[in-house]
């Protein structure tokens, strides 16, 4: 059963014309090769989770080591031995004179690494909590990297701690924003 156009002068669209044999009732359809190129190879597998734990260990360790060798000067100055005073990195403060949510974090970490708890808390109270969070990442990462049987219990604990660790980090970042809003005087 074929349908004929109502108007004999009307030609069907080239998109609607069949390019192959006509399909008849009861016959299986023939499969023609796809005009599209074959799909690309699947992506390579993700690196072993241990590499993520190495990053998890390296970044906090580097932050804390840098904080322990850096010094603070007067009025927002931070010095690194061998380089001298570093330029201010807060664009919001240098352009508009307004502190950003992270203003004082570097100096807070430096004060805490040198044992100046009062100075650190005065600069950025949430930054002091963030320092403790960064410090806690080192034993957590070491426990996750351990392949010793005695540390299997630590690894099981880590599986439970990791989601809470992420939630705590998000909570600290939100606390930084809230602290910033309060300091700006909007609340």
N, C-alpha and C. Protein backbone atom coordinates (compact mmCIF):
# COMPACT_ATOMS: atom_id res chain seq x y z
N UNK A 1 0.85 -1.16 0.00
CA UNK A 1 0.00 0.00 0.00
C UNK A 1 0.90 1.22 0.00
N UNK A 2 0.87 1.95 -1.08
CA UNK A 2 1.68 3.16 -1.19
C UNK A 2 0.75 4.33 -1.27
N UNK A 3 1.17 5.41 -0.68
CA UNK A 3 0.35 6.62 -0.74
C UNK A 3 0.88 7.48 -1.86
N UNK A 4 -0.03 7.96 -2.65
CA UNK A 4 0.35 8.80 -3.77
C UNK A 4 0.04 10.24 -3.40
N UNK A 5 0.85 11.15 -3.87
CA UNK A 5 0.57 12.55 -3.56
C UNK A 5 -0.76 12.98 -4.15
N UNK A 6 -1.42 13.89 -3.46
CA UNK A 6 -2.71 14.38 -3.92
C UNK A 6 -2.54 15.19 -5.18
N UNK A 7 -1.48 15.91 -5.27
CA UNK A 7 -1.22 16.72 -6.44
C UNK A 7 -0.18 15.98 -7.27
N UNK A 8 -0.46 15.62 -8.52
CA UNK A 8 0.49 14.86 -9.31
C UNK A 8 1.79 15.62 -9.56
N UNK A 9 1.78 16.96 -9.49
CA UNK A 9 3.00 17.73 -9.71
C UNK A 9 3.87 17.78 -8.44
N UNK A 10 3.29 17.41 -7.33
CA UNK A 10 4.01 17.49 -6.06
C UNK A 10 5.01 16.34 -5.95
N UNK A 11 6.25 16.68 -5.66
CA UNK A 11 7.29 15.67 -5.46
C UNK A 11 7.58 15.58 -3.97
N UNK A 12 7.75 14.38 -3.44
CA UNK A 12 8.08 14.28 -2.02
C UNK A 12 9.46 14.88 -1.75
N UNK A 13 9.62 15.33 -0.52
CA UNK A 13 10.90 15.90 -0.08
C UNK A 13 12.00 14.86 -0.23
N UNK A 14 13.22 15.28 -0.59
CA UNK A 14 14.32 14.32 -0.70
C UNK A 14 14.58 13.62 0.63
N UNK A 15 14.24 14.26 1.73
CA UNK A 15 14.44 13.63 3.02
C UNK A 15 13.45 12.49 3.25
N UNK A 16 12.30 12.60 2.61
CA UNK A 16 11.28 11.57 2.80
C UNK A 16 11.40 10.43 1.80
N UNK A 17 12.14 10.62 0.74
CA UNK A 17 12.32 9.54 -0.23
C UNK A 17 13.17 8.44 0.36
N UNK A 18 12.83 7.22 0.04
CA UNK A 18 13.63 6.10 0.51
C UNK A 18 14.81 5.91 -0.43
N UNK A 19 15.97 5.67 0.16
CA UNK A 19 17.14 5.50 -0.68
C UNK A 19 17.42 4.02 -0.93
N UNK A 20 16.80 3.17 -0.22
CA UNK A 20 17.07 1.74 -0.37
C UNK A 20 15.85 1.01 -0.88
N UNK A 21 15.88 -0.30 -0.78
CA UNK A 21 14.72 -1.09 -1.24
C UNK A 21 13.50 -0.82 -0.38
N UNK A 22 12.34 -1.01 -0.95
CA UNK A 22 11.08 -0.79 -0.25
C UNK A 22 10.86 -1.92 0.74
N UNK A 23 10.41 -1.55 1.92
CA UNK A 23 10.13 -2.54 2.95
C UNK A 23 8.75 -3.12 2.70
N UNK A 24 8.70 -4.44 2.68
CA UNK A 24 7.43 -5.12 2.45
C UNK A 24 6.97 -5.75 3.75
N UNK A 25 5.68 -5.90 3.87
CA UNK A 25 5.10 -6.49 5.08
C UNK A 25 5.61 -7.91 5.22
N UNK A 26 6.06 -8.24 6.45
CA UNK A 26 6.52 -9.59 6.74
C UNK A 26 8.02 -9.77 6.52
N UNK A 27 8.68 -8.81 5.89
CA UNK A 27 10.13 -8.93 5.68
C UNK A 27 10.86 -8.20 6.79
N UNK A 28 11.98 -8.75 7.25
CA UNK A 28 12.75 -8.03 8.27
C UNK A 28 13.44 -6.83 7.62
N UNK A 29 13.59 -5.76 8.37
CA UNK A 29 14.26 -4.59 7.81
C UNK A 29 15.75 -4.87 7.61
N UNK A 30 16.32 -4.23 6.61
CA UNK A 30 17.75 -4.38 6.39
C UNK A 30 18.46 -3.24 7.12
N UNK A 31 19.56 -3.57 7.73
CA UNK A 31 20.33 -2.56 8.48
C UNK A 31 21.44 -2.05 7.60
N UNK A 32 21.43 -0.75 7.39
CA UNK A 32 22.45 -0.13 6.56
C UNK A 32 23.51 0.48 7.47
N UNK A 33 24.72 0.57 6.99
CA UNK A 33 25.77 1.17 7.81
C UNK A 33 25.45 2.62 8.13
N UNK A 34 25.85 3.04 9.32
CA UNK A 34 25.59 4.40 9.77
C UNK A 34 26.43 5.39 8.98
N UNK A 35 25.83 6.53 8.62
CA UNK A 35 26.61 7.55 7.92
C UNK A 35 27.53 8.32 8.87
N UNK A 36 27.36 8.10 10.19
CA UNK A 36 28.17 8.80 11.17
C UNK A 36 29.45 8.02 11.46
N UNK A 37 30.51 8.72 11.83
CA UNK A 37 31.75 8.01 12.15
C UNK A 37 31.56 7.18 13.41
N UNK A 38 32.37 6.15 13.57
CA UNK A 38 32.23 5.32 14.77
C UNK A 38 32.52 6.16 16.03
N UNK A 39 31.91 5.74 17.13
CA UNK A 39 32.09 6.49 18.37
C UNK A 39 33.54 6.39 18.83
N UNK A 40 34.01 7.43 19.52
CA UNK A 40 35.40 7.41 19.96
C UNK A 40 35.62 6.34 21.02
N UNK A 41 36.88 6.05 21.25
CA UNK A 41 37.23 5.06 22.26
C UNK A 41 36.78 5.57 23.63
N UNK A 42 36.46 4.66 24.54
CA UNK A 42 36.07 5.11 25.88
C UNK A 42 37.24 5.83 26.55
N UNK A 43 36.93 6.74 27.46
CA UNK A 43 38.01 7.48 28.11
C UNK A 43 38.88 6.53 28.93
N UNK A 44 40.13 6.90 29.13
CA UNK A 44 41.00 6.04 29.92
C UNK A 44 40.49 5.96 31.35
N UNK A 45 40.80 4.90 32.05
CA UNK A 45 40.32 4.79 33.42
C UNK A 45 40.92 5.88 34.30
N UNK A 46 40.19 6.24 35.34
CA UNK A 46 40.67 7.25 36.27
C UNK A 46 41.91 6.72 37.00
N UNK A 47 42.77 7.63 37.41
CA UNK A 47 43.95 7.17 38.14
C UNK A 47 43.56 6.48 39.43
N UNK A 48 44.46 5.68 39.93
CA UNK A 48 44.20 4.96 41.17
C UNK A 48 43.88 5.97 42.27
N UNK A 49 42.93 5.63 43.16
CA UNK A 49 42.56 6.59 44.20
C UNK A 49 43.74 7.03 45.06
N UNK A 50 44.80 6.23 45.11
CA UNK A 50 45.96 6.61 45.92
C UNK A 50 46.55 7.93 45.44
N UNK A 51 46.49 8.21 44.13
CA UNK A 51 47.04 9.47 43.63
C UNK A 51 46.26 10.65 44.19
N UNK A 52 44.96 10.50 44.37
CA UNK A 52 44.16 11.57 44.97
C UNK A 52 44.56 11.76 46.43
N UNK A 53 44.86 10.68 47.12
CA UNK A 53 45.28 10.79 48.51
C UNK A 53 46.65 11.46 48.62
N UNK A 54 47.52 11.24 47.62
CA UNK A 54 48.81 11.91 47.63
C UNK A 54 48.62 13.41 47.47
N UNK A 55 47.71 13.80 46.62
CA UNK A 55 47.41 15.23 46.47
C UNK A 55 46.82 15.76 47.77
N UNK A 56 45.93 14.95 48.35
CA UNK A 56 45.28 15.30 49.61
C UNK A 56 46.32 15.48 50.71
N UNK A 57 47.41 14.77 50.66
CA UNK A 57 48.48 14.89 51.64
C UNK A 57 49.42 16.05 51.30
N UNK A 58 49.73 16.22 50.03
CA UNK A 58 50.73 17.19 49.61
C UNK A 58 50.28 18.64 49.80
N UNK A 59 49.07 18.94 49.41
CA UNK A 59 48.60 20.34 49.46
C UNK A 59 48.56 20.88 50.90
N UNK A 60 47.92 20.18 51.85
CA UNK A 60 47.95 20.72 53.22
C UNK A 60 49.36 20.80 53.80
N UNK A 61 50.19 19.81 53.49
CA UNK A 61 51.56 19.84 54.00
C UNK A 61 52.30 21.05 53.45
N UNK A 62 52.16 21.32 52.16
CA UNK A 62 52.82 22.49 51.56
C UNK A 62 52.30 23.78 52.17
N UNK A 63 50.99 23.87 52.38
CA UNK A 63 50.40 25.08 52.97
C UNK A 63 50.98 25.31 54.37
N UNK A 64 51.04 24.26 55.16
CA UNK A 64 51.53 24.42 56.52
C UNK A 64 53.03 24.69 56.57
N UNK A 65 53.80 24.08 55.67
CA UNK A 65 55.24 24.36 55.62
C UNK A 65 55.50 25.80 55.21
N UNK A 66 54.78 26.27 54.21
CA UNK A 66 54.94 27.66 53.79
C UNK A 66 54.56 28.62 54.93
N UNK A 67 53.46 28.33 55.60
CA UNK A 67 53.03 29.19 56.71
C UNK A 67 54.08 29.22 57.81
N UNK A 68 54.78 28.11 58.00
CA UNK A 68 55.76 28.08 59.09
C UNK A 68 57.04 28.84 58.75
N UNK A 69 57.36 29.01 57.45
CA UNK A 69 58.58 29.75 57.11
C UNK A 69 58.30 31.21 56.74
N UNK A 70 57.04 31.54 56.49
CA UNK A 70 56.69 32.92 56.16
C UNK A 70 56.57 33.74 57.44
N UNK A 71 56.67 35.05 57.29
CA UNK A 71 56.49 35.96 58.42
C UNK A 71 55.53 37.08 58.02
N UNK A 72 54.94 37.69 59.04
CA UNK A 72 54.05 38.82 58.78
C UNK A 72 54.73 40.10 59.23
N UNK A 73 54.42 41.16 58.54
CA UNK A 73 54.94 42.48 58.90
C UNK A 73 53.81 43.37 59.33
N UNK A 74 54.02 44.64 59.23
CA UNK A 74 52.97 45.58 59.61
C UNK A 74 52.00 45.76 58.44
N UNK A 75 50.76 45.94 58.78
CA UNK A 75 49.71 46.26 57.81
C UNK A 75 49.71 45.37 56.58
N UNK A 76 49.28 44.14 56.74
CA UNK A 76 49.01 43.21 55.66
C UNK A 76 50.25 42.68 54.95
N UNK A 77 51.43 42.95 55.43
CA UNK A 77 52.64 42.49 54.76
C UNK A 77 52.93 41.04 55.13
N UNK A 78 53.32 40.28 54.10
CA UNK A 78 53.72 38.89 54.28
C UNK A 78 55.07 38.74 53.60
N UNK A 79 56.02 38.09 54.30
CA UNK A 79 57.37 37.93 53.75
C UNK A 79 57.71 36.45 53.63
N UNK A 80 58.45 36.15 52.60
CA UNK A 80 58.96 34.80 52.38
C UNK A 80 60.48 34.91 52.35
N UNK A 81 61.19 34.13 53.17
CA UNK A 81 62.65 34.24 53.18
C UNK A 81 63.22 34.05 51.77
N UNK A 82 64.13 34.94 51.44
CA UNK A 82 64.77 34.88 50.13
C UNK A 82 64.06 35.73 49.08
N UNK A 83 62.76 35.98 49.28
CA UNK A 83 62.00 36.80 48.33
C UNK A 83 61.63 38.15 48.89
N UNK A 84 61.65 38.28 50.19
CA UNK A 84 61.27 39.54 50.82
C UNK A 84 59.77 39.67 50.94
N UNK A 85 59.30 40.91 50.96
CA UNK A 85 57.86 41.19 51.11
C UNK A 85 57.14 40.82 49.82
N UNK A 86 56.09 40.04 49.96
CA UNK A 86 55.29 39.64 48.80
C UNK A 86 54.23 40.70 48.50
N UNK A 87 53.85 40.86 47.25
CA UNK A 87 52.79 41.84 46.93
C UNK A 87 51.45 41.36 47.46
N UNK A 88 50.57 42.34 47.69
CA UNK A 88 49.23 41.99 48.17
C UNK A 88 48.50 41.20 47.08
N UNK A 89 47.82 40.13 47.49
CA UNK A 89 47.16 39.27 46.52
C UNK A 89 45.65 39.50 46.45
N UNK A 90 45.10 40.27 47.36
CA UNK A 90 43.64 40.48 47.37
C UNK A 90 43.29 41.63 46.43
N UNK A 91 42.71 41.29 45.31
CA UNK A 91 42.32 42.29 44.31
C UNK A 91 41.21 43.20 44.84
N UNK A 92 40.28 42.62 45.57
CA UNK A 92 39.16 43.41 46.10
C UNK A 92 39.68 44.49 47.04
N UNK A 93 40.64 44.15 47.88
CA UNK A 93 41.19 45.15 48.81
C UNK A 93 42.09 46.15 48.11
N UNK A 94 42.92 45.69 47.19
CA UNK A 94 43.84 46.62 46.52
C UNK A 94 43.11 47.60 45.60
N UNK A 95 42.00 47.20 45.01
CA UNK A 95 41.27 48.08 44.09
C UNK A 95 40.22 48.94 44.78
N UNK A 96 39.49 48.32 45.75
CA UNK A 96 38.35 49.01 46.34
C UNK A 96 38.49 49.29 47.83
N UNK A 97 39.54 48.75 48.46
CA UNK A 97 39.73 48.96 49.89
C UNK A 97 38.79 48.16 50.77
N UNK A 98 38.16 47.14 50.20
CA UNK A 98 37.22 46.30 50.95
C UNK A 98 37.86 44.92 51.12
N UNK A 99 37.79 44.39 52.33
CA UNK A 99 38.30 43.04 52.57
C UNK A 99 37.40 42.02 51.90
N UNK A 100 38.00 40.96 51.37
CA UNK A 100 37.22 39.86 50.78
C UNK A 100 36.98 38.81 51.87
N UNK A 101 36.18 37.77 51.61
CA UNK A 101 35.95 36.75 52.62
C UNK A 101 37.24 36.06 53.09
N UNK A 102 38.23 35.98 52.23
CA UNK A 102 39.47 35.30 52.59
C UNK A 102 40.56 36.22 53.10
N UNK A 103 40.28 37.51 53.23
CA UNK A 103 41.31 38.43 53.70
C UNK A 103 41.75 38.03 55.11
N UNK A 104 43.04 37.94 55.28
CA UNK A 104 43.60 37.58 56.57
C UNK A 104 43.89 36.10 56.73
N UNK A 105 43.47 35.27 55.77
CA UNK A 105 43.70 33.83 55.91
C UNK A 105 45.19 33.50 55.89
N UNK A 106 45.95 34.08 54.98
CA UNK A 106 47.38 33.79 54.92
C UNK A 106 48.05 34.22 56.21
N UNK A 107 47.76 35.43 56.67
CA UNK A 107 48.36 35.91 57.90
C UNK A 107 47.90 35.10 59.11
N UNK A 108 46.63 34.65 59.10
CA UNK A 108 46.13 33.80 60.17
C UNK A 108 46.90 32.49 60.22
N UNK A 109 47.10 31.87 59.06
CA UNK A 109 47.85 30.61 59.00
C UNK A 109 49.29 30.82 59.47
N UNK A 110 49.89 31.94 59.09
CA UNK A 110 51.27 32.23 59.50
C UNK A 110 51.32 32.40 61.02
N UNK A 111 50.40 33.18 61.58
CA UNK A 111 50.39 33.37 63.03
C UNK A 111 50.18 32.04 63.76
N UNK A 112 49.28 31.21 63.28
CA UNK A 112 49.03 29.93 63.95
C UNK A 112 50.23 28.99 63.82
N UNK A 113 50.89 29.01 62.67
CA UNK A 113 52.07 28.15 62.49
C UNK A 113 53.21 28.59 63.42
N UNK A 114 53.20 29.87 63.81
CA UNK A 114 54.22 30.39 64.73
C UNK A 114 53.73 30.43 66.18
N UNK A 115 52.51 29.95 66.41
CA UNK A 115 51.98 29.87 67.77
C UNK A 115 51.34 31.13 68.30
N UNK A 116 51.06 32.10 67.46
CA UNK A 116 50.42 33.36 67.88
C UNK A 116 48.90 33.23 67.76
N UNK A 117 48.30 32.55 68.73
CA UNK A 117 46.87 32.25 68.65
C UNK A 117 46.00 33.51 68.70
N UNK A 118 46.32 34.45 69.60
CA UNK A 118 45.50 35.66 69.73
C UNK A 118 45.51 36.49 68.45
N UNK A 119 46.69 36.66 67.87
CA UNK A 119 46.79 37.45 66.64
C UNK A 119 46.01 36.78 65.51
N UNK A 120 46.07 35.46 65.44
CA UNK A 120 45.36 34.73 64.39
C UNK A 120 43.85 34.87 64.57
N UNK A 121 43.38 34.73 65.79
CA UNK A 121 41.93 34.81 66.05
C UNK A 121 41.42 36.21 65.76
N UNK A 122 42.22 37.23 66.07
CA UNK A 122 41.82 38.61 65.81
C UNK A 122 41.69 38.87 64.31
N UNK A 123 42.62 38.34 63.53
CA UNK A 123 42.58 38.54 62.08
C UNK A 123 41.39 37.86 61.43
N UNK A 124 41.18 36.59 61.74
CA UNK A 124 40.15 35.83 61.05
C UNK A 124 39.76 34.61 61.89
N UNK A 125 38.71 34.70 62.71
CA UNK A 125 38.33 33.58 63.57
C UNK A 125 38.01 32.31 62.78
N UNK A 126 37.30 32.44 61.68
CA UNK A 126 36.99 31.25 60.88
C UNK A 126 38.26 30.70 60.25
N UNK A 127 39.20 31.58 59.94
CA UNK A 127 40.48 31.14 59.40
C UNK A 127 41.23 30.26 60.38
N UNK A 128 41.08 30.53 61.67
CA UNK A 128 41.70 29.68 62.68
C UNK A 128 41.11 28.28 62.65
N UNK A 129 39.80 28.20 62.47
CA UNK A 129 39.16 26.88 62.35
C UNK A 129 39.58 26.19 61.06
N UNK A 130 39.72 26.96 60.00
CA UNK A 130 40.16 26.40 58.72
C UNK A 130 41.59 25.86 58.83
N UNK A 131 42.43 26.51 59.62
CA UNK A 131 43.80 26.02 59.86
C UNK A 131 43.75 24.64 60.51
N UNK A 132 42.89 24.48 61.51
CA UNK A 132 42.75 23.18 62.18
C UNK A 132 42.25 22.14 61.18
N UNK A 133 41.34 22.54 60.31
CA UNK A 133 40.83 21.62 59.29
C UNK A 133 41.95 21.18 58.35
N UNK A 134 42.77 22.14 57.89
CA UNK A 134 43.89 21.80 56.98
C UNK A 134 44.89 20.91 57.70
N UNK A 135 45.17 21.21 58.95
CA UNK A 135 46.09 20.40 59.74
C UNK A 135 45.58 18.96 59.89
N UNK A 136 44.27 18.81 60.06
CA UNK A 136 43.68 17.47 60.22
C UNK A 136 43.74 16.65 58.94
N UNK A 137 43.90 17.30 57.80
CA UNK A 137 43.94 16.56 56.53
C UNK A 137 45.18 15.68 56.42
N UNK A 138 46.26 16.06 57.08
CA UNK A 138 47.51 15.30 56.95
C UNK A 138 47.36 13.89 57.54
N UNK A 139 46.93 13.73 58.79
CA UNK A 139 46.77 12.35 59.28
C UNK A 139 45.67 11.59 58.56
N UNK A 140 44.64 12.29 58.11
CA UNK A 140 43.58 11.61 57.36
C UNK A 140 44.12 11.05 56.05
N UNK A 141 44.93 11.83 55.35
CA UNK A 141 45.51 11.37 54.09
C UNK A 141 46.50 10.24 54.32
N UNK A 142 47.31 10.35 55.36
CA UNK A 142 48.28 9.28 55.66
C UNK A 142 47.54 7.99 55.97
N UNK A 143 46.47 8.10 56.74
CA UNK A 143 45.67 6.90 57.04
C UNK A 143 45.06 6.29 55.80
N UNK A 144 44.66 7.12 54.86
CA UNK A 144 44.06 6.61 53.62
C UNK A 144 45.11 5.97 52.72
N UNK A 145 46.34 6.46 52.77
CA UNK A 145 47.40 5.92 51.91
C UNK A 145 48.00 4.63 52.46
N UNK A 146 47.80 4.39 53.72
CA UNK A 146 48.45 3.24 54.36
C UNK A 146 47.96 1.93 53.78
N UNK A 147 48.91 1.06 53.50
CA UNK A 147 48.57 -0.28 53.00
C UNK A 147 48.86 -1.34 54.06
N UNK A 148 49.31 -0.91 55.22
CA UNK A 148 49.62 -1.82 56.32
C UNK A 148 48.33 -2.39 56.88
N UNK A 149 48.35 -3.66 57.25
CA UNK A 149 47.14 -4.29 57.78
C UNK A 149 46.64 -3.62 59.04
N UNK A 150 47.57 -3.12 59.84
CA UNK A 150 47.16 -2.48 61.09
C UNK A 150 46.39 -1.19 60.83
N UNK A 151 46.53 -0.66 59.63
CA UNK A 151 45.82 0.58 59.29
C UNK A 151 44.51 0.33 58.54
N UNK A 152 44.14 -0.91 58.38
CA UNK A 152 42.87 -1.18 57.69
C UNK A 152 41.69 -0.59 58.46
N UNK A 153 41.79 -0.64 59.78
CA UNK A 153 40.72 -0.02 60.59
C UNK A 153 40.67 1.48 60.31
N UNK A 154 41.83 2.10 60.14
CA UNK A 154 41.88 3.52 59.83
C UNK A 154 41.22 3.77 58.48
N UNK A 155 41.47 2.89 57.52
CA UNK A 155 40.87 3.06 56.20
C UNK A 155 39.35 2.93 56.27
N UNK A 156 38.85 2.01 57.11
CA UNK A 156 37.40 1.89 57.26
C UNK A 156 36.82 3.16 57.89
N UNK A 157 37.56 3.72 58.84
CA UNK A 157 37.11 4.97 59.45
C UNK A 157 37.12 6.08 58.41
N UNK A 158 38.15 6.08 57.57
CA UNK A 158 38.26 7.10 56.53
C UNK A 158 37.08 7.07 55.58
N UNK A 159 36.60 5.89 55.26
CA UNK A 159 35.45 5.78 54.36
C UNK A 159 34.23 6.46 54.97
N UNK A 160 34.17 6.46 56.29
CA UNK A 160 33.05 7.13 56.96
C UNK A 160 33.30 8.63 57.14
N UNK A 161 34.58 8.99 57.32
CA UNK A 161 34.93 10.38 57.62
C UNK A 161 34.90 11.26 56.37
N UNK A 162 35.28 10.72 55.22
CA UNK A 162 35.45 11.54 54.02
C UNK A 162 34.20 12.35 53.67
N UNK A 163 32.99 11.78 53.65
CA UNK A 163 31.83 12.63 53.34
C UNK A 163 31.64 13.76 54.36
N UNK A 164 31.89 13.47 55.64
CA UNK A 164 31.75 14.50 56.66
C UNK A 164 32.84 15.55 56.52
N UNK A 165 34.00 15.13 56.06
CA UNK A 165 35.10 16.05 55.82
C UNK A 165 34.70 17.09 54.77
N UNK A 166 34.05 16.63 53.72
CA UNK A 166 33.60 17.54 52.65
C UNK A 166 32.51 18.48 53.16
N UNK A 167 31.61 17.95 53.95
CA UNK A 167 30.53 18.78 54.51
C UNK A 167 31.12 19.84 55.44
N UNK A 168 32.12 19.45 56.24
CA UNK A 168 32.78 20.41 57.13
C UNK A 168 33.48 21.51 56.35
N UNK A 169 34.13 21.15 55.25
CA UNK A 169 34.79 22.16 54.42
C UNK A 169 33.77 23.15 53.86
N UNK A 170 32.66 22.65 53.36
CA UNK A 170 31.62 23.53 52.83
C UNK A 170 31.08 24.43 53.95
N UNK A 171 30.90 23.86 55.13
CA UNK A 171 30.44 24.65 56.28
C UNK A 171 31.42 25.75 56.64
N UNK A 172 32.72 25.46 56.60
CA UNK A 172 33.72 26.48 56.89
C UNK A 172 33.72 27.58 55.83
N UNK A 173 33.53 27.21 54.57
CA UNK A 173 33.48 28.22 53.51
C UNK A 173 32.25 29.11 53.66
N UNK A 174 31.13 28.52 54.04
CA UNK A 174 29.92 29.31 54.30
C UNK A 174 30.15 30.22 55.50
N UNK A 175 30.83 29.70 56.53
CA UNK A 175 31.14 30.52 57.70
C UNK A 175 32.03 31.70 57.34
N UNK A 176 32.98 31.49 56.41
CA UNK A 176 33.81 32.60 55.93
C UNK A 176 32.95 33.69 55.29
N UNK A 177 31.98 33.27 54.48
CA UNK A 177 31.08 34.25 53.85
C UNK A 177 30.23 34.99 54.87
N UNK A 178 29.70 34.26 55.85
CA UNK A 178 28.88 34.90 56.89
C UNK A 178 29.72 35.87 57.69
N UNK A 179 30.94 35.47 58.06
CA UNK A 179 31.84 36.35 58.80
C UNK A 179 32.13 37.62 58.00
N UNK A 180 32.31 37.46 56.69
CA UNK A 180 32.60 38.60 55.83
C UNK A 180 31.41 39.57 55.81
N UNK A 181 30.21 39.03 55.68
CA UNK A 181 29.00 39.88 55.66
C UNK A 181 28.85 40.62 56.97
N UNK A 182 29.09 39.93 58.08
CA UNK A 182 28.99 40.58 59.41
C UNK A 182 30.03 41.68 59.52
N UNK A 183 31.26 41.41 59.07
CA UNK A 183 32.32 42.42 59.16
C UNK A 183 32.06 43.63 58.27
N UNK A 184 31.39 43.41 57.15
CA UNK A 184 31.04 44.54 56.27
C UNK A 184 29.94 45.40 56.88
N UNK A 185 29.24 44.84 57.86
CA UNK A 185 28.21 45.62 58.55
C UNK A 185 26.84 45.48 57.94
N UNK A 186 26.63 44.44 57.13
CA UNK A 186 25.30 44.25 56.53
C UNK A 186 24.33 43.58 57.49
N UNK A 187 24.83 43.06 58.60
CA UNK A 187 23.96 42.37 59.55
C UNK A 187 23.99 43.10 60.86
